[in-house]
Amino acid sequence: MDLSNLLPVIEAACELHRVHPTNAEPAVLGLPDAAKAAVVAGLSRQTQRAVIVVTPRQPEALSMVEELEAWLGGDATVLHFRERDSLPYERLAPDPEALNSRLAVLETLASKTAAVIVVSGVALAQRTLPAP
């Protein structure tokens, strides 16, 4: 379902311009669950910069990715910064698919491409590559 046609209504009703400062200061928002995806989608369209959404756990991150894809349609890139499959002190090689996915998200962030990046708190705390 594509909800992107509703974004102008959300943008006008929420006064998102007050959240999006003209300087580089990041905004931290606390919103009701039902409004999060719509407000993040509106911010993404207005800022044309990377927007990072941090969720408490992985299931919420996956749900947020699905909701944002519905709100944004094909207008923006929505990326999921996955958790590593191995525990921090396991002597196992990380899953190559998960590692490549994490590196692709970091590359997008470094290139200053407009995207919405959804990450769980655990994934945010995990190293992508081992320390040298």
C-alpha atoms as a PDB file:
ATOM      1  CA  MET A   1       0.000   0.000   0.000  1.00  0.00           C
ATOM      2  CA  ASP A   2       1.439   3.377  -0.996  1.00  0.00           C
ATOM      3  CA  LEU A   3       0.609   6.126   1.502  1.00  0.00           C
ATOM      4  CA  SER A   4       2.972   8.733   0.030  1.00  0.00           C
ATOM      5  CA  ASN A   5       0.058  10.841  -1.272  1.00  0.00           C
ATOM      6  CA  LEU A   6      -0.945  11.522   2.348  1.00  0.00           C
ATOM      7  CA  LEU A   7       2.455  12.978   3.306  1.00  0.00           C
ATOM      8  CA  PRO A   8       1.624  16.596   2.361  1.00  0.00           C
ATOM      9  CA  VAL A   9      -1.329  16.454   4.764  1.00  0.00           C
ATOM     10  CA  ILE A  10       0.885  15.049   7.537  1.00  0.00           C
ATOM     11  CA  GLU A  11       3.586  17.642   6.869  1.00  0.00           C
ATOM     12  CA  ALA A  12       1.097  20.514   7.112  1.00  0.00           C
ATOM     13  CA  ALA A  13      -0.664  19.175  10.189  1.00  0.00           C
ATOM     14  CA  CYS A  14       2.462  18.366  12.193  1.00  0.00           C
ATOM     15  CA  GLU A  15       4.385  21.576  11.511  1.00  0.00           C
ATOM     16  CA  LEU A  16       7.485  19.564  10.734  1.00  0.00           C
ATOM     17  CA  HIS A  17       9.335  22.724   9.751  1.00  0.00           C
ATOM     18  CA  ARG A  18       9.678  23.454  13.493  1.00  0.00           C
ATOM     19  CA  VAL A  19      11.524  20.161  13.993  1.00  0.00           C
ATOM     20  CA  HIS A  20      13.799  20.597  10.997  1.00  0.00           C
ATOM     21  CA  PRO A  21      16.204  23.362  12.000  1.00  0.00           C
ATOM     22  CA  THR A  22      18.160  25.235   9.374  1.00  0.00           C
ATOM     23  CA  ASN A  23      21.411  24.436  11.181  1.00  0.00           C
ATOM     24  CA  ALA A  24      23.044  21.037  11.457  1.00  0.00           C
ATOM     25  CA  GLU A  25      21.699  20.292  14.949  1.00  0.00           C
ATOM     26  CA  PRO A  26      20.114  16.828  15.045  1.00  0.00           C
ATOM     27  CA  ALA A  27      16.564  16.567  16.325  1.00  0.00           C
ATOM     28  CA  VAL A  28      15.524  13.928  18.837  1.00  0.00           C
ATOM     29  CA  LEU A  29      11.822  13.199  18.905  1.00  0.00           C
ATOM     30  CA  GLY A  30       9.592  11.170  21.178  1.00  0.00           C
ATOM     31  CA  LEU A  31       6.345  10.275  19.418  1.00  0.00           C
ATOM     32  CA  PRO A  32       3.397   7.957  19.910  1.00  0.00           C
ATOM     33  CA  ASP A  33       3.961   4.671  18.088  1.00  0.00           C
ATOM     34  CA  ALA A  34       1.127   5.271  15.629  1.00  0.00           C
ATOM     35  CA  ALA A  35       2.654   8.568  14.447  1.00  0.00           C
ATOM     36  CA  LYS A  36       6.318   7.607  14.187  1.00  0.00           C
ATOM     37  CA  ALA A  37       6.455   6.309  10.617  1.00  0.00           C
ATOM     38  CA  ALA A  38       4.354   9.164   9.226  1.00  0.00           C
ATOM     39  CA  VAL A  39       6.427  11.866  10.951  1.00  0.00           C
ATOM     40  CA  VAL A  40       9.740  10.250   9.985  1.00  0.00           C
ATOM     41  CA  ALA A  41       8.543   9.987   6.372  1.00  0.00           C
ATOM     42  CA  GLY A  42       7.595  13.669   6.399  1.00  0.00           C
ATOM     43  CA  LEU A  43      10.963  14.651   7.877  1.00  0.00           C
ATOM     44  CA  SER A  44      12.758  12.580   5.283  1.00  0.00           C
ATOM     45  CA  ARG A  45      10.964  14.337   2.443  1.00  0.00           C
ATOM     46  CA  GLN A  46      11.565  17.798   3.894  1.00  0.00           C
ATOM     47  CA  THR A  47      15.209  17.440   4.891  1.00  0.00           C
ATOM     48  CA  GLN A  48      16.527  15.449   1.917  1.00  0.00           C
ATOM     49  CA  ARG A  49      19.208  14.163   4.304  1.00  0.00           C
ATOM     50  CA  ALA A  50      19.806  10.954   6.186  1.00  0.00           C
ATOM     51  CA  VAL A  51      17.278  10.358   8.945  1.00  0.00           C
ATOM     52  CA  ILE A  52      18.203   7.760  11.567  1.00  0.00           C
ATOM     53  CA  VAL A  53      15.485   5.968  13.530  1.00  0.00           C
ATOM     54  CA  VAL A  54      16.564   3.994  16.613  1.00  0.00           C
ATOM     55  CA  THR A  55      14.188   1.346  17.935  1.00  0.00           C
ATOM     56  CA  PRO A  56      14.475  -0.661  21.153  1.00  0.00           C
ATOM     57  CA  ARG A  57      14.600  -4.085  19.505  1.00  0.00           C
ATOM     58  CA  GLN A  58      14.978  -5.811  16.147  1.00  0.00           C
ATOM     59  CA  PRO A  59      11.270  -6.675  15.642  1.00  0.00           C
ATOM     60  CA  GLU A  60      10.337  -2.999  16.037  1.00  0.00           C
ATOM     61  CA  ALA A  61      13.050  -2.048  13.526  1.00  0.00           C
ATOM     62  CA  LEU A  62      11.687  -4.482  10.943  1.00  0.00           C
ATOM     63  CA  SER A  63       8.151  -3.213  11.517  1.00  0.00           C
ATOM     64  CA  MET A  64       9.316   0.406  11.156  1.00  0.00           C
ATOM     65  CA  VAL A  65      11.052  -0.415   7.856  1.00  0.00           C
ATOM     66  CA  GLU A  66       7.798  -1.856   6.485  1.00  0.00           C
ATOM     67  CA  GLU A  67       5.761   1.149   7.654  1.00  0.00           C
ATOM     68  CA  LEU A  68       8.249   3.641   6.214  1.00  0.00           C
ATOM     69  CA  GLU A  69       8.270   1.855   2.868  1.00  0.00           C
ATOM     70  CA  ALA A  70       4.476   2.181   2.811  1.00  0.00           C
ATOM     71  CA  TRP A  71       4.593   5.887   3.694  1.00  0.00           C
ATOM     72  CA  LEU A  72       7.410   6.799   1.335  1.00  0.00           C
ATOM     73  CA  GLY A  73       6.572   4.533  -1.575  1.00  0.00           C
ATOM     74  CA  GLY A  74       9.429   4.844  -4.041  1.00  0.00           C
ATOM     75  CA  ASP A  75      10.269   8.419  -2.989  1.00  0.00           C
ATOM     76  CA  ALA A  76      13.121   7.562  -0.624  1.00  0.00           C
ATOM     77  CA  THR A  77      15.568   4.859   0.297  1.00  0.00           C
ATOM     78  CA  VAL A  78      14.708   2.987   3.498  1.00  0.00           C
ATOM     79  CA  LEU A  79      17.577   0.909   4.874  1.00  0.00           C
ATOM     80  CA  HIS A  80      17.739  -1.495   7.793  1.00  0.00           C
ATOM     81  CA  PHE A  81      21.004  -1.608   9.770  1.00  0.00           C
ATOM     82  CA  ARG A  82      20.921  -5.261  10.782  1.00  0.00           C
ATOM     83  CA  GLU A  83      22.131  -6.814  13.991  1.00  0.00           C
ATOM     84  CA  ARG A  84      25.097  -9.138  13.740  1.00  0.00           C
ATOM     85  CA  ASP A  85      24.186 -12.806  13.840  1.00  0.00           C
ATOM     86  CA  SER A  86      27.015 -13.776  16.189  1.00  0.00           C
ATOM     87  CA  LEU A  87      27.535 -12.778  19.793  1.00  0.00           C
ATOM     88  CA  PRO A  88      30.344 -10.312  20.565  1.00  0.00           C
ATOM     89  CA  TYR A  89      32.817 -12.855  21.953  1.00  0.00           C
ATOM     90  CA  GLU A  90      32.032 -15.823  19.734  1.00  0.00           C
ATOM     91  CA  ARG A  91      34.942 -16.907  17.616  1.00  0.00           C
ATOM     92  CA  LEU A  92      32.779 -17.291  14.552  1.00  0.00           C
ATOM     93  CA  ALA A  93      33.124 -15.380  11.334  1.00  0.00           C
ATOM     94  CA  PRO A  94      30.233 -12.948  10.905  1.00  0.00           C
ATOM     95  CA  ASP A  95      27.541 -13.784   8.386  1.00  0.00           C
ATOM     96  CA  PRO A  96      28.779 -12.283   5.082  1.00  0.00           C
ATOM     97  CA  GLU A  97      25.276 -11.186   4.071  1.00  0.00           C
ATOM     98  CA  ALA A  98      24.719  -9.333   7.357  1.00  0.00           C
ATOM     99  CA  LEU A  99      28.184  -7.775   7.159  1.00  0.00           C
ATOM    100  CA  ASN A 100      27.647  -6.602   3.563  1.00  0.00           C
ATOM    101  CA  SER A 101      24.263  -5.167   4.502  1.00  0.00           C
ATOM    102  CA  ARG A 102      25.756  -3.216   7.411  1.00  0.00           C
ATOM    103  CA  LEU A 103      28.612  -1.926   5.242  1.00  0.00           C
ATOM    104  CA  ALA A 104      26.165  -0.806   2.537  1.00  0.00           C
ATOM    105  CA  VAL A 105      24.218   1.214   5.109  1.00  0.00           C
ATOM    106  CA  LEU A 106      27.425   2.799   6.428  1.00  0.00           C
ATOM    107  CA  GLU A 107      28.478   3.645   2.864  1.00  0.00           C
ATOM    108  CA  THR A 108      25.127   5.362   2.257  1.00  0.00           C
ATOM    109  CA  LEU A 109      25.517   7.318   5.478  1.00  0.00           C
ATOM    110  CA  ALA A 110      29.090   8.342   4.614  1.00  0.00           C
ATOM    111  CA  SER A 111      28.072   9.492   1.135  1.00  0.00           C
ATOM    112  CA  LYS A 112      25.488  11.875   2.652  1.00  0.00           C
ATOM    113  CA  THR A 113      22.775  10.365   0.472  1.00  0.00           C
ATOM    114  CA  ALA A 114      19.211  11.085   1.532  1.00  0.00           C
ATOM    115  CA  ALA A 115      17.905   7.910   3.164  1.00  0.00           C
ATOM    116  CA  VAL A 116      16.003   6.689   6.187  1.00  0.00           C
ATOM    117  CA  ILE A 117      18.101   4.297   8.251  1.00  0.00           C
ATOM    118  CA  VAL A 118      16.365   2.138  10.845  1.00  0.00           C
ATOM    119  CA  VAL A 119      18.504   0.519  13.538  1.00  0.00           C
ATOM    120  CA  SER A 120      17.841  -1.310  16.788  1.00  0.00           C
ATOM    121  CA  GLY A 121      19.724  -0.347  19.936  1.00  0.00           C
ATOM    122  CA  VAL A 122      21.635  -3.637  19.871  1.00  0.00           C
ATOM    123  CA  ALA A 123      22.697  -3.196  16.239  1.00  0.00           C
ATOM    124  CA  LEU A 124      23.801   0.350  17.000  1.00  0.00           C
ATOM    125  CA  ALA A 125      26.071  -0.889  19.799  1.00  0.00           C
ATOM    126  CA  GLN A 126      27.653  -3.717  17.796  1.00  0.00           C
ATOM    127  CA  ARG A 127      30.877  -3.342  15.872  1.00  0.00           C
ATOM    128  CA  THR A 128      30.641  -3.927  12.173  1.00  0.00           C
ATOM    129  CA  LEU A 129      34.297  -4.837  11.720  1.00  0.00           C
ATOM    130  CA  PRO A 130      36.686  -6.157  14.372  1.00  0.00           C
ATOM    131  CA  ALA A 131      39.157  -3.761  15.939  1.00  0.00           C
ATOM    132  CA  PRO A 132      42.588  -3.789  14.269  1.00  0.00           C
END
